[in-house]
Amino acid sequence: MSTITFRVTEEEKAFMLAMADLNGVTISELARTKLLESLEDQIDIDIYKKAMEEHQALDESISHEEMKRELGL
């Protein structure tokens, strides 16, 4: 397993330790899971934005009222 080191202020360290304790995990586990979750969220947001851009460029959707008219309802 690899090690990554980063610097934080004493206040940030105290906060992180408190949050790790609150969640019942080590500070390493807290940092690892929160960092990975954040990066995965960023990927999800990027994928969503790209999909929405593609959808808007090729949008062929119609309103509920238009669909009812087409179906003769």
C-alpha atoms as a PDB file:
ATOM      1  CA  MET A   1       0.000   0.000   0.000  1.00  0.00           C
ATOM      2  CA  SER A   2       1.225   3.487  -0.845  1.00  0.00           C
ATOM      3  CA  THR A   3       1.426   6.493   1.442  1.00  0.00           C
ATOM      4  CA  ILE A   4       0.381  10.034   0.559  1.00  0.00           C
ATOM      5  CA  THR A   5       1.213  12.923   2.865  1.00  0.00           C
ATOM      6  CA  PHE A   6      -0.383  16.353   2.891  1.00  0.00           C
ATOM      7  CA  ARG A   7      -0.106  19.306   5.222  1.00  0.00           C
ATOM      8  CA  VAL A   8      -2.980  20.790   7.204  1.00  0.00           C
ATOM      9  CA  THR A   9      -3.268  23.431   9.881  1.00  0.00           C
ATOM     10  CA  GLU A  10      -3.722  22.417  13.513  1.00  0.00           C
ATOM     11  CA  GLU A  11      -7.357  23.504  13.285  1.00  0.00           C
ATOM     12  CA  GLU A  12      -7.924  21.389  10.166  1.00  0.00           C
ATOM     13  CA  LYS A  13      -6.254  18.420  11.843  1.00  0.00           C
ATOM     14  CA  ALA A  14      -8.452  18.782  14.937  1.00  0.00           C
ATOM     15  CA  PHE A  15     -11.547  19.008  12.743  1.00  0.00           C
ATOM     16  CA  MET A  16     -10.541  15.952  10.721  1.00  0.00           C
ATOM     17  CA  LEU A  17      -9.782  13.947  13.861  1.00  0.00           C
ATOM     18  CA  ALA A  18     -13.155  14.907  15.343  1.00  0.00           C
ATOM     19  CA  MET A  19     -14.971  13.912  12.151  1.00  0.00           C
ATOM     20  CA  ALA A  20     -13.076  10.615  11.976  1.00  0.00           C
ATOM     21  CA  ASP A  21     -14.048   9.912  15.581  1.00  0.00           C
ATOM     22  CA  LEU A  22     -17.663  10.858  14.878  1.00  0.00           C
ATOM     23  CA  ASN A  23     -17.719   8.405  11.961  1.00  0.00           C
ATOM     24  CA  GLY A  24     -15.876   5.673  13.863  1.00  0.00           C
ATOM     25  CA  VAL A  25     -12.966   5.496  11.432  1.00  0.00           C
ATOM     26  CA  THR A  26      -9.314   6.428  11.402  1.00  0.00           C
ATOM     27  CA  ILE A  27      -8.237   9.747   9.992  1.00  0.00           C
ATOM     28  CA  SER A  28      -6.588   7.864   7.105  1.00  0.00           C
ATOM     29  CA  GLU A  29      -9.837   6.068   6.275  1.00  0.00           C
ATOM     30  CA  LEU A  30     -11.804   9.302   6.514  1.00  0.00           C
ATOM     31  CA  ALA A  31      -9.392  11.164   4.235  1.00  0.00           C
ATOM     32  CA  ARG A  32      -9.202   8.313   1.722  1.00  0.00           C
ATOM     33  CA  THR A  33     -12.960   7.735   1.454  1.00  0.00           C
ATOM     34  CA  LYS A  34     -13.920  11.418   1.354  1.00  0.00           C
ATOM     35  CA  LEU A  35     -11.282  12.230  -1.266  1.00  0.00           C
ATOM     36  CA  LEU A  36     -12.307   9.299  -3.471  1.00  0.00           C
ATOM     37  CA  GLU A  37     -16.011  10.138  -3.070  1.00  0.00           C
ATOM     38  CA  SER A  38     -15.331  13.725  -4.060  1.00  0.00           C
ATOM     39  CA  LEU A  39     -13.366  12.706  -7.146  1.00  0.00           C
ATOM     40  CA  GLU A  40     -16.048  10.201  -8.173  1.00  0.00           C
ATOM     41  CA  ASP A  41     -18.700  12.900  -7.737  1.00  0.00           C
ATOM     42  CA  GLN A  42     -16.676  15.178 -10.008  1.00  0.00           C
ATOM     43  CA  ILE A  43     -16.595  12.484 -12.703  1.00  0.00           C
ATOM     44  CA  ASP A  44     -20.353  11.932 -12.329  1.00  0.00           C
ATOM     45  CA  ILE A  45     -21.026  15.671 -12.703  1.00  0.00           C
ATOM     46  CA  ASP A  46     -18.817  15.871 -15.794  1.00  0.00           C
ATOM     47  CA  ILE A  47     -20.611  12.888 -17.371  1.00  0.00           C
ATOM     48  CA  TYR A  48     -24.006  14.432 -16.545  1.00  0.00           C
ATOM     49  CA  LYS A  49     -23.035  17.794 -18.066  1.00  0.00           C
ATOM     50  CA  LYS A  50     -21.825  16.133 -21.261  1.00  0.00           C
ATOM     51  CA  ALA A  51     -24.984  14.021 -21.522  1.00  0.00           C
ATOM     52  CA  MET A  52     -27.181  17.098 -21.008  1.00  0.00           C
ATOM     53  CA  GLU A  53     -25.284  19.035 -23.679  1.00  0.00           C
ATOM     54  CA  GLU A  54     -25.762  16.148 -26.129  1.00  0.00           C
ATOM     55  CA  HIS A  55     -29.428  15.837 -25.202  1.00  0.00           C
ATOM     56  CA  GLN A  56     -30.064  19.548 -25.690  1.00  0.00           C
ATOM     57  CA  ALA A  57     -28.294  19.511 -29.047  1.00  0.00           C
ATOM     58  CA  LEU A  58     -30.451  16.619 -30.298  1.00  0.00           C
ATOM     59  CA  ASP A  59     -33.615  17.191 -28.260  1.00  0.00           C
ATOM     60  CA  GLU A  60     -36.635  15.656 -29.967  1.00  0.00           C
ATOM     61  CA  SER A  61     -38.865  15.585 -26.907  1.00  0.00           C
ATOM     62  CA  ILE A  62     -42.430  16.866 -27.018  1.00  0.00           C
ATOM     63  CA  SER A  63     -44.771  18.136 -24.337  1.00  0.00           C
ATOM     64  CA  HIS A  64     -47.405  16.034 -22.642  1.00  0.00           C
ATOM     65  CA  GLU A  65     -50.095  18.026 -24.469  1.00  0.00           C
ATOM     66  CA  GLU A  66     -48.430  17.393 -27.859  1.00  0.00           C
ATOM     67  CA  MET A  67     -48.245  13.668 -27.116  1.00  0.00           C
ATOM     68  CA  LYS A  68     -51.962  13.579 -26.234  1.00  0.00           C
ATOM     69  CA  ARG A  69     -52.813  15.362 -29.511  1.00  0.00           C
ATOM     70  CA  GLU A  70     -50.698  12.893 -31.512  1.00  0.00           C
ATOM     71  CA  LEU A  71     -52.486   9.987 -29.830  1.00  0.00           C
ATOM     72  CA  GLY A  72     -55.880  11.578 -30.340  1.00  0.00           C
ATOM     73  CA  LEU A  73     -56.595  11.862 -26.640  1.00  0.00           C
END
